[in-house]
Amino acid sequence: MYSIKGKIDPSAEFGPETTHIYITTKKGEDEALDVIPVKDFTFDDSFYLRFGPGTYEVILSVPEIKEENSDYFRFYGFARFEVESTGEDQRDLLPSRGVQSDSEPIRQLASEITAGKSMERDKAKSIYEYVAKTVAYDVEKLETDDFEWDDSALKTLDLKTGVCQDYS
């Protein structure tokens, strides 16, 4: 895990509207995107170097501020640096943007859903069945491209609706 903190210039274009920054980490062909909140023009959070040992390029960006929703996001880099990691490759095990597998509500629900199951396949089937029975497909979101930067597993758990990325 890598910690980062800093400030957004309040006089910068869109500075007052900036509520989060994007952190892109690249190692070779692998790339991950994390989002951290900005409050009172300040950010202080951490992100994973998930692709194992080696040199990572880290790019900090702010999102394009626009009025309409869209199914894609643009962002503009404001800092770039390199970081060395000696950690293991855990790309499929670590929480990520949109998949907060380490959050207490998700961990608690997973524990409840899989109670009494010992085989991994049975646990996965129980989780699949819960999602299939509990989360409705949001056709309007698909048709209107009403995607937001904070779409995530936690938001889907709360709203009980979503599209493919939300189900994931």
N, C-alpha and C. Protein backbone atom coordinates (compact mmCIF):
# COMPACT_ATOMS: atom_id res chain seq x y z
N MET A 1 0.85 -1.17 0.00
CA MET A 1 0.00 0.00 0.00
C MET A 1 0.90 1.24 0.00
N TYR A 2 0.47 2.26 -0.70
CA TYR A 2 1.24 3.50 -0.81
C TYR A 2 0.35 4.66 -0.36
N SER A 3 0.85 5.45 0.57
CA SER A 3 0.09 6.60 1.08
C SER A 3 0.45 7.86 0.31
N ILE A 4 -0.56 8.71 0.15
CA ILE A 4 -0.36 9.95 -0.58
C ILE A 4 -1.22 11.04 0.03
N LYS A 5 -0.67 12.25 0.09
CA LYS A 5 -1.48 13.38 0.54
C LYS A 5 -1.02 14.64 -0.15
N GLY A 6 -1.94 15.60 -0.24
CA GLY A 6 -1.62 16.84 -0.90
C GLY A 6 -2.79 17.78 -0.88
N LYS A 7 -2.66 18.87 -1.66
CA LYS A 7 -3.70 19.89 -1.71
C LYS A 7 -3.99 20.26 -3.15
N ILE A 8 -5.23 20.64 -3.38
CA ILE A 8 -5.68 21.17 -4.67
C ILE A 8 -5.70 22.68 -4.54
N ASP A 9 -5.15 23.37 -5.53
CA ASP A 9 -5.15 24.83 -5.51
C ASP A 9 -6.58 25.34 -5.70
N PRO A 10 -7.14 26.02 -4.70
CA PRO A 10 -8.52 26.50 -4.81
C PRO A 10 -8.74 27.48 -5.94
N SER A 11 -7.67 28.15 -6.40
CA SER A 11 -7.82 29.12 -7.48
C SER A 11 -7.65 28.48 -8.86
N ALA A 12 -7.30 27.21 -8.92
CA ALA A 12 -7.14 26.52 -10.20
C ALA A 12 -8.49 26.33 -10.86
N GLU A 13 -8.48 26.25 -12.20
CA GLU A 13 -9.73 26.00 -12.92
C GLU A 13 -10.36 24.71 -12.38
N PHE A 14 -11.60 24.76 -12.02
CA PHE A 14 -12.37 23.66 -11.44
C PHE A 14 -11.86 23.23 -10.06
N GLY A 15 -10.93 23.96 -9.48
CA GLY A 15 -10.44 23.63 -8.14
C GLY A 15 -11.56 23.51 -7.12
N PRO A 16 -12.45 24.51 -7.02
CA PRO A 16 -13.53 24.42 -6.04
C PRO A 16 -14.50 23.26 -6.28
N GLU A 17 -14.63 22.78 -7.53
CA GLU A 17 -15.55 21.69 -7.83
C GLU A 17 -14.92 20.31 -7.67
N THR A 18 -13.62 20.25 -7.45
CA THR A 18 -12.92 18.96 -7.39
C THR A 18 -13.21 18.26 -6.07
N THR A 19 -13.89 17.12 -6.16
CA THR A 19 -14.27 16.35 -4.97
C THR A 19 -13.47 15.06 -4.84
N HIS A 20 -12.66 14.72 -5.85
CA HIS A 20 -11.85 13.51 -5.81
C HIS A 20 -10.73 13.63 -6.84
N ILE A 21 -9.70 12.80 -6.67
CA ILE A 21 -8.65 12.70 -7.67
C ILE A 21 -8.53 11.24 -8.09
N TYR A 22 -8.05 11.06 -9.30
CA TYR A 22 -7.78 9.72 -9.82
C TYR A 22 -6.30 9.43 -9.64
N ILE A 23 -6.01 8.19 -9.28
CA ILE A 23 -4.62 7.73 -9.20
C ILE A 23 -4.48 6.56 -10.15
N THR A 24 -3.68 6.74 -11.20
CA THR A 24 -3.41 5.68 -12.15
C THR A 24 -2.06 5.10 -11.83
N THR A 25 -1.99 3.78 -11.65
CA THR A 25 -0.72 3.10 -11.43
C THR A 25 -0.48 2.18 -12.62
N LYS A 26 0.73 2.27 -13.19
CA LYS A 26 1.09 1.46 -14.35
C LYS A 26 2.39 0.72 -14.05
N LYS A 27 2.40 -0.56 -14.40
CA LYS A 27 3.62 -1.37 -14.33
C LYS A 27 3.62 -2.24 -15.57
N GLY A 28 4.50 -1.93 -16.50
CA GLY A 28 4.50 -2.64 -17.77
C GLY A 28 3.18 -2.43 -18.49
N GLU A 29 2.52 -3.52 -18.87
CA GLU A 29 1.24 -3.46 -19.56
C GLU A 29 0.06 -3.37 -18.60
N ASP A 30 0.30 -3.54 -17.31
CA ASP A 30 -0.77 -3.53 -16.32
C ASP A 30 -1.06 -2.12 -15.83
N GLU A 31 -2.35 -1.84 -15.61
CA GLU A 31 -2.77 -0.51 -15.18
C GLU A 31 -3.97 -0.62 -14.25
N ALA A 32 -3.98 0.18 -13.20
CA ALA A 32 -5.10 0.23 -12.26
C ALA A 32 -5.48 1.68 -12.02
N LEU A 33 -6.73 1.90 -11.64
CA LEU A 33 -7.23 3.23 -11.35
C LEU A 33 -7.88 3.23 -9.97
N ASP A 34 -7.47 4.14 -9.13
CA ASP A 34 -8.06 4.32 -7.81
C ASP A 34 -8.60 5.74 -7.73
N VAL A 35 -9.59 5.94 -6.88
CA VAL A 35 -10.19 7.25 -6.67
C VAL A 35 -10.10 7.56 -5.19
N ILE A 36 -9.60 8.75 -4.86
CA ILE A 36 -9.55 9.16 -3.46
C ILE A 36 -10.27 10.50 -3.31
N PRO A 37 -10.92 10.69 -2.18
CA PRO A 37 -11.71 11.91 -1.97
C PRO A 37 -10.85 13.14 -1.71
N VAL A 38 -11.40 14.29 -2.06
CA VAL A 38 -10.80 15.59 -1.75
C VAL A 38 -11.81 16.32 -0.87
N LYS A 39 -11.37 16.77 0.29
CA LYS A 39 -12.24 17.53 1.19
C LYS A 39 -11.49 18.77 1.63
N ASP A 40 -12.13 19.91 1.50
CA ASP A 40 -11.50 21.19 1.82
C ASP A 40 -10.17 21.34 1.08
N PHE A 41 -10.16 20.93 -0.20
CA PHE A 41 -9.00 21.05 -1.10
C PHE A 41 -7.83 20.16 -0.68
N THR A 42 -8.07 19.19 0.20
CA THR A 42 -7.00 18.34 0.72
C THR A 42 -7.32 16.87 0.48
N PHE A 43 -6.31 16.09 0.14
CA PHE A 43 -6.48 14.64 0.04
C PHE A 43 -5.39 13.95 0.86
N ASP A 44 -5.76 12.84 1.49
CA ASP A 44 -4.85 12.07 2.34
C ASP A 44 -5.40 10.65 2.39
N ASP A 45 -4.84 9.76 1.59
CA ASP A 45 -5.38 8.41 1.47
C ASP A 45 -4.27 7.48 1.01
N SER A 46 -4.63 6.27 0.61
CA SER A 46 -3.63 5.31 0.14
C SER A 46 -4.22 4.49 -1.00
N PHE A 47 -3.33 3.80 -1.71
CA PHE A 47 -3.73 2.95 -2.82
C PHE A 47 -2.77 1.78 -2.88
N TYR A 48 -3.18 0.72 -3.58
CA TYR A 48 -2.38 -0.49 -3.67
C TYR A 48 -1.47 -0.47 -4.89
N LEU A 49 -0.30 -1.07 -4.74
CA LEU A 49 0.60 -1.38 -5.85
C LEU A 49 0.38 -2.88 -6.07
N ARG A 50 -0.60 -3.21 -6.88
CA ARG A 50 -1.18 -4.55 -6.91
C ARG A 50 -0.51 -5.54 -7.85
N PHE A 51 0.44 -5.12 -8.67
CA PHE A 51 0.98 -5.99 -9.70
C PHE A 51 2.33 -6.62 -9.37
N GLY A 52 2.68 -6.69 -8.10
CA GLY A 52 3.93 -7.34 -7.71
C GLY A 52 5.11 -6.40 -7.70
N PRO A 53 6.30 -6.97 -7.47
CA PRO A 53 7.50 -6.14 -7.34
C PRO A 53 7.87 -5.45 -8.65
N GLY A 54 8.51 -4.28 -8.51
CA GLY A 54 8.97 -3.56 -9.68
C GLY A 54 8.69 -2.07 -9.59
N THR A 55 8.94 -1.38 -10.70
CA THR A 55 8.76 0.06 -10.77
C THR A 55 7.39 0.39 -11.33
N TYR A 56 6.68 1.27 -10.62
CA TYR A 56 5.36 1.72 -11.03
C TYR A 56 5.41 3.18 -11.43
N GLU A 57 4.74 3.53 -12.51
CA GLU A 57 4.51 4.92 -12.84
C GLU A 57 3.18 5.30 -12.19
N VAL A 58 3.17 6.40 -11.45
CA VAL A 58 1.96 6.87 -10.76
C VAL A 58 1.60 8.23 -11.34
N ILE A 59 0.32 8.36 -11.74
CA ILE A 59 -0.16 9.61 -12.31
C ILE A 59 -1.36 10.08 -11.49
N LEU A 60 -1.29 11.30 -10.98
CA LEU A 60 -2.40 11.90 -10.25
C LEU A 60 -3.15 12.80 -11.22
N SER A 61 -4.47 12.67 -11.24
CA SER A 61 -5.29 13.43 -12.18
C SER A 61 -6.54 13.97 -11.49
N VAL A 62 -7.10 15.01 -12.09
CA VAL A 62 -8.39 15.53 -11.65
C VAL A 62 -9.39 15.25 -12.76
N PRO A 63 -10.64 14.99 -12.41
CA PRO A 63 -11.63 14.69 -13.44
C PRO A 63 -12.07 15.94 -14.19
N GLU A 64 -12.50 15.74 -15.42
CA GLU A 64 -13.13 16.80 -16.18
C GLU A 64 -14.48 17.07 -15.52
N ILE A 65 -14.76 18.30 -15.23
CA ILE A 65 -16.04 18.67 -14.63
C ILE A 65 -16.98 19.02 -15.77
N LYS A 66 -18.11 18.32 -15.86
CA LYS A 66 -19.07 18.61 -16.91
C LYS A 66 -20.47 18.41 -16.37
N GLU A 67 -21.41 18.99 -17.05
CA GLU A 67 -22.79 19.00 -16.58
C GLU A 67 -23.51 17.67 -16.80
N GLU A 68 -23.30 17.06 -17.96
CA GLU A 68 -24.06 15.86 -18.28
C GLU A 68 -23.31 14.61 -17.83
N ASN A 69 -24.05 13.54 -17.58
CA ASN A 69 -23.45 12.26 -17.24
C ASN A 69 -23.00 11.57 -18.52
N SER A 70 -22.09 10.64 -18.39
CA SER A 70 -21.54 9.97 -19.56
C SER A 70 -21.07 8.59 -19.16
N ASP A 71 -20.89 7.72 -20.15
CA ASP A 71 -20.38 6.39 -19.84
C ASP A 71 -18.85 6.34 -19.96
N TYR A 72 -18.21 7.49 -20.08
CA TYR A 72 -16.75 7.55 -20.03
C TYR A 72 -16.34 8.78 -19.24
N PHE A 73 -15.12 8.75 -18.76
CA PHE A 73 -14.60 9.86 -17.96
C PHE A 73 -13.30 10.36 -18.58
N ARG A 74 -13.12 11.66 -18.56
CA ARG A 74 -11.85 12.27 -18.94
C ARG A 74 -11.22 12.83 -17.69
N PHE A 75 -9.91 12.78 -17.63
CA PHE A 75 -9.22 13.38 -16.51
C PHE A 75 -7.88 13.91 -16.97
N TYR A 76 -7.37 14.88 -16.20
CA TYR A 76 -6.16 15.59 -16.59
C TYR A 76 -5.09 15.42 -15.52
N GLY A 77 -3.93 14.91 -15.94
CA GLY A 77 -2.83 14.66 -15.01
C GLY A 77 -2.23 15.94 -14.48
N PHE A 78 -1.95 15.95 -13.17
CA PHE A 78 -1.27 17.11 -12.59
C PHE A 78 0.03 16.73 -11.87
N ALA A 79 0.29 15.44 -11.71
CA ALA A 79 1.56 15.00 -11.12
C ALA A 79 1.88 13.60 -11.64
N ARG A 80 3.17 13.33 -11.81
CA ARG A 80 3.63 12.03 -12.29
C ARG A 80 4.94 11.71 -11.58
N PHE A 81 5.05 10.48 -11.06
CA PHE A 81 6.27 10.04 -10.40
C PHE A 81 6.37 8.53 -10.44
N GLU A 82 7.53 7.98 -10.02
CA GLU A 82 7.72 6.53 -9.99
C GLU A 82 7.86 6.06 -8.56
N VAL A 83 7.43 4.82 -8.33
CA VAL A 83 7.49 4.19 -7.01
C VAL A 83 8.00 2.77 -7.20
N GLU A 84 8.87 2.32 -6.30
CA GLU A 84 9.35 0.94 -6.30
C GLU A 84 8.53 0.12 -5.32
N SER A 85 8.18 -1.09 -5.71
CA SER A 85 7.44 -1.99 -4.82
C SER A 85 8.16 -3.33 -4.73
N THR A 86 8.13 -3.91 -3.56
CA THR A 86 8.67 -5.25 -3.35
C THR A 86 7.55 -6.23 -2.99
N GLY A 87 6.30 -5.75 -3.03
CA GLY A 87 5.15 -6.58 -2.65
C GLY A 87 4.81 -7.65 -3.66
N GLU A 88 3.95 -8.56 -3.24
CA GLU A 88 3.50 -9.66 -4.09
C GLU A 88 2.46 -9.19 -5.11
N ASP A 89 2.32 -9.95 -6.19
CA ASP A 89 1.28 -9.70 -7.17
C ASP A 89 -0.04 -10.20 -6.58
N GLN A 90 -0.93 -9.27 -6.26
CA GLN A 90 -2.22 -9.62 -5.67
C GLN A 90 -3.36 -8.95 -6.43
N ARG A 91 -3.20 -8.79 -7.72
CA ARG A 91 -4.16 -8.04 -8.53
C ARG A 91 -5.59 -8.54 -8.41
N ASP A 92 -5.79 -9.84 -8.21
CA ASP A 92 -7.15 -10.37 -8.14
C ASP A 92 -7.67 -10.52 -6.71
N LEU A 93 -6.85 -10.18 -5.73
CA LEU A 93 -7.24 -10.37 -4.34
C LEU A 93 -7.49 -9.07 -3.59
N LEU A 94 -6.87 -8.01 -4.01
CA LEU A 94 -6.98 -6.74 -3.29
C LEU A 94 -8.25 -5.98 -3.67
N PRO A 95 -8.78 -5.22 -2.73
CA PRO A 95 -9.91 -4.34 -3.07
C PRO A 95 -9.48 -3.36 -4.17
N SER A 96 -10.45 -2.87 -4.91
CA SER A 96 -10.14 -1.91 -5.97
C SER A 96 -11.24 -0.88 -6.06
N ARG A 97 -11.01 0.12 -6.90
CA ARG A 97 -12.03 1.15 -7.12
C ARG A 97 -13.30 0.46 -7.59
N GLY A 98 -14.35 0.66 -6.90
CA GLY A 98 -15.62 0.07 -7.27
C GLY A 98 -15.89 -1.30 -6.67
N VAL A 99 -14.84 -1.96 -6.19
CA VAL A 99 -15.00 -3.28 -5.57
C VAL A 99 -14.34 -3.22 -4.20
N GLN A 100 -15.08 -2.73 -3.23
CA GLN A 100 -14.55 -2.51 -1.88
C GLN A 100 -14.69 -3.78 -1.04
N SER A 101 -13.98 -4.82 -1.46
CA SER A 101 -14.11 -6.12 -0.81
C SER A 101 -13.61 -6.12 0.63
N ASP A 102 -12.93 -5.07 1.03
CA ASP A 102 -12.44 -4.98 2.41
C ASP A 102 -13.38 -4.19 3.32
N SER A 103 -14.49 -3.68 2.78
CA SER A 103 -15.40 -2.87 3.59
C SER A 103 -16.22 -3.78 4.52
N GLU A 104 -16.51 -3.28 5.69
CA GLU A 104 -17.23 -4.07 6.69
C GLU A 104 -18.61 -4.53 6.21
N PRO A 105 -19.44 -3.68 5.58
CA PRO A 105 -20.75 -4.16 5.13
C PRO A 105 -20.65 -5.33 4.14
N ILE A 106 -19.69 -5.28 3.24
CA ILE A 106 -19.54 -6.36 2.26
C ILE A 106 -19.00 -7.61 2.94
N ARG A 107 -18.03 -7.47 3.81
CA ARG A 107 -17.47 -8.63 4.52
C ARG A 107 -18.54 -9.30 5.38
N GLN A 108 -19.35 -8.50 6.06
CA GLN A 108 -20.40 -9.04 6.93
C GLN A 108 -21.45 -9.79 6.11
N LEU A 109 -21.89 -9.18 5.01
CA LEU A 109 -22.88 -9.82 4.16
C LEU A 109 -22.33 -11.12 3.57
N ALA A 110 -21.10 -11.09 3.10
CA ALA A 110 -20.49 -12.31 2.53
C ALA A 110 -20.43 -13.41 3.58
N SER A 111 -20.13 -13.05 4.80
CA SER A 111 -20.08 -14.03 5.89
C SER A 111 -21.46 -14.64 6.14
N GLU A 112 -22.48 -13.80 6.14
CA GLU A 112 -23.86 -14.28 6.34
C GLU A 112 -24.31 -15.18 5.20
N ILE A 113 -24.03 -14.76 3.97
CA ILE A 113 -24.47 -15.51 2.79
C ILE A 113 -23.79 -16.87 2.70
N THR A 114 -22.54 -16.95 3.12
CA THR A 114 -21.78 -18.20 2.98
C THR A 114 -21.73 -19.02 4.27
N ALA A 115 -22.46 -18.61 5.28
CA ALA A 115 -22.46 -19.35 6.55
C ALA A 115 -22.83 -20.82 6.32
N GLY A 116 -22.08 -21.70 6.92
CA GLY A 116 -22.34 -23.13 6.80
C GLY A 116 -21.77 -23.77 5.56
N LYS A 117 -21.16 -23.00 4.68
CA LYS A 117 -20.57 -23.53 3.44
C LYS A 117 -19.06 -23.67 3.65
N SER A 118 -18.51 -24.81 3.26
CA SER A 118 -17.06 -25.01 3.42
C SER A 118 -16.33 -25.02 2.08
N MET A 119 -17.02 -25.42 1.01
CA MET A 119 -16.39 -25.48 -0.31
C MET A 119 -16.46 -24.11 -0.99
N GLU A 120 -15.36 -23.70 -1.62
CA GLU A 120 -15.31 -22.40 -2.29
C GLU A 120 -16.38 -22.29 -3.38
N ARG A 121 -16.63 -23.38 -4.09
CA ARG A 121 -17.65 -23.36 -5.15
C ARG A 121 -19.03 -23.09 -4.55
N ASP A 122 -19.33 -23.70 -3.43
CA ASP A 122 -20.62 -23.49 -2.78
C ASP A 122 -20.75 -22.05 -2.28
N LYS A 123 -19.67 -21.49 -1.77
CA LYS A 123 -19.69 -20.10 -1.32
C LYS A 123 -19.96 -19.17 -2.50
N ALA A 124 -19.25 -19.40 -3.61
CA ALA A 124 -19.41 -18.57 -4.80
C ALA A 124 -20.85 -18.67 -5.33
N LYS A 125 -21.42 -19.88 -5.32
CA LYS A 125 -22.79 -20.06 -5.79
C LYS A 125 -23.78 -19.32 -4.88
N SER A 126 -23.55 -19.34 -3.59
CA SER A 126 -24.43 -18.63 -2.65
C SER A 126 -24.40 -17.12 -2.91
N ILE A 127 -23.22 -16.60 -3.17
CA ILE A 127 -23.08 -15.16 -3.45
C ILE A 127 -23.75 -14.83 -4.79
N TYR A 128 -23.54 -15.67 -5.79
CA TYR A 128 -24.17 -15.47 -7.09
C TYR A 128 -25.69 -15.44 -6.94
N GLU A 129 -26.24 -16.41 -6.22
CA GLU A 129 -27.69 -16.49 -6.04
C GLU A 129 -28.23 -15.26 -5.31
N TYR A 130 -27.49 -14.79 -4.31
CA TYR A 130 -27.92 -13.59 -3.58
C TYR A 130 -28.01 -12.39 -4.53
N VAL A 131 -26.96 -12.20 -5.32
CA VAL A 131 -26.94 -11.06 -6.26
C VAL A 131 -28.06 -11.20 -7.28
N ALA A 132 -28.22 -12.40 -7.83
CA ALA A 132 -29.25 -12.62 -8.86
C ALA A 132 -30.65 -12.35 -8.32
N LYS A 133 -30.90 -12.67 -7.06
CA LYS A 133 -32.22 -12.50 -6.47
C LYS A 133 -32.45 -11.11 -5.87
N THR A 134 -31.38 -10.39 -5.57
CA THR A 134 -31.49 -9.15 -4.81
C THR A 134 -31.26 -7.89 -5.64
N VAL A 135 -30.39 -7.94 -6.63
CA VAL A 135 -30.02 -6.75 -7.40
C VAL A 135 -30.77 -6.74 -8.73
N ALA A 136 -31.51 -5.67 -8.99
CA ALA A 136 -32.26 -5.52 -10.23
C ALA A 136 -31.40 -4.84 -11.29
N TYR A 137 -31.60 -5.21 -12.55
CA TYR A 137 -30.85 -4.58 -13.64
C TYR A 137 -31.44 -3.20 -13.91
N ASP A 138 -30.58 -2.19 -13.98
CA ASP A 138 -31.00 -0.79 -14.16
C ASP A 138 -30.98 -0.43 -15.65
N VAL A 139 -32.06 -0.73 -16.34
CA VAL A 139 -32.16 -0.47 -17.78
C VAL A 139 -32.05 1.03 -18.06
N GLU A 140 -32.65 1.86 -17.22
CA GLU A 140 -32.59 3.31 -17.44
C GLU A 140 -31.15 3.82 -17.40
N LYS A 141 -30.36 3.32 -16.47
CA LYS A 141 -28.96 3.73 -16.38
C LYS A 141 -28.22 3.35 -17.66
N LEU A 142 -28.49 2.16 -18.16
CA LEU A 142 -27.85 1.71 -19.40
C LEU A 142 -28.27 2.61 -20.56
N GLU A 143 -29.55 2.89 -20.69
CA GLU A 143 -30.06 3.67 -21.82
C GLU A 143 -29.69 5.14 -21.77
N THR A 144 -29.52 5.70 -20.58
CA THR A 144 -29.22 7.13 -20.45
C THR A 144 -27.75 7.41 -20.19
N ASP A 145 -26.92 6.37 -20.10
CA ASP A 145 -25.50 6.55 -19.78
C ASP A 145 -25.33 7.34 -18.49
N ASP A 146 -26.16 7.07 -17.52
CA ASP A 146 -26.14 7.79 -16.25
C ASP A 146 -25.12 7.17 -15.29
N PHE A 147 -23.85 7.17 -15.70
CA PHE A 147 -22.77 6.61 -14.90
C PHE A 147 -22.17 7.71 -14.06
N GLU A 148 -21.72 7.37 -12.86
CA GLU A 148 -21.11 8.35 -11.96
C GLU A 148 -19.78 7.81 -11.45
N TRP A 149 -18.90 8.72 -11.04
CA TRP A 149 -17.56 8.31 -10.62
C TRP A 149 -17.59 7.41 -9.39
N ASP A 150 -18.64 7.49 -8.59
CA ASP A 150 -18.69 6.69 -7.37
C ASP A 150 -19.52 5.41 -7.51
N ASP A 151 -19.84 5.00 -8.74
CA ASP A 151 -20.51 3.71 -8.92
C ASP A 151 -19.60 2.63 -8.33
N SER A 152 -20.19 1.75 -7.52
CA SER A 152 -19.35 0.79 -6.81
C SER A 152 -20.18 -0.34 -6.23
N ALA A 153 -19.49 -1.33 -5.68
CA ALA A 153 -20.16 -2.44 -5.00
C ALA A 153 -20.98 -1.94 -3.82
N LEU A 154 -20.43 -1.01 -3.05
CA LEU A 154 -21.17 -0.48 -1.89
C LEU A 154 -22.42 0.27 -2.32
N LYS A 155 -22.33 1.04 -3.37
CA LYS A 155 -23.49 1.78 -3.87
C LYS A 155 -24.55 0.80 -4.38
N THR A 156 -24.12 -0.24 -5.08
CA THR A 156 -25.04 -1.25 -5.58
C THR A 156 -25.69 -2.00 -4.43
N LEU A 157 -24.92 -2.32 -3.41
CA LEU A 157 -25.46 -2.99 -2.23
C LEU A 157 -26.55 -2.15 -1.58
N ASP A 158 -26.34 -0.86 -1.55
CA ASP A 158 -27.31 0.06 -0.95
C ASP A 158 -28.55 0.24 -1.83
N LEU A 159 -28.35 0.48 -3.13
CA LEU A 159 -29.46 0.78 -4.04
C LEU A 159 -30.18 -0.47 -4.55
N LYS A 160 -29.51 -1.60 -4.51
CA LYS A 160 -30.06 -2.88 -5.01
C LYS A 160 -30.40 -2.82 -6.50
N THR A 161 -29.64 -2.01 -7.24
CA THR A 161 -29.84 -1.91 -8.69
C THR A 161 -28.50 -1.56 -9.33
N GLY A 162 -28.33 -1.92 -10.60
CA GLY A 162 -27.10 -1.59 -11.31
C GLY A 162 -27.05 -2.23 -12.67
N VAL A 163 -25.96 -1.94 -13.38
CA VAL A 163 -25.68 -2.55 -14.67
C VAL A 163 -24.49 -3.51 -14.50
N CYS A 164 -23.97 -4.02 -15.58
CA CYS A 164 -22.93 -5.06 -15.52
C CYS A 164 -21.78 -4.70 -14.59
N GLN A 165 -21.22 -3.49 -14.73
CA GLN A 165 -20.08 -3.12 -13.89
C GLN A 165 -20.45 -3.09 -12.43
N ASP A 166 -21.70 -2.75 -12.11
CA ASP A 166 -22.15 -2.69 -10.74
C ASP A 166 -22.30 -4.10 -10.16
N TYR A 167 -22.80 -5.02 -10.98
CA TYR A 167 -22.93 -6.41 -10.53
C TYR A 167 -21.56 -7.00 -10.22
N SER A 168 -20.57 -6.63 -11.01
CA SER A 168 -19.22 -7.17 -10.82
C SER A 168 -18.70 -6.81 -9.46
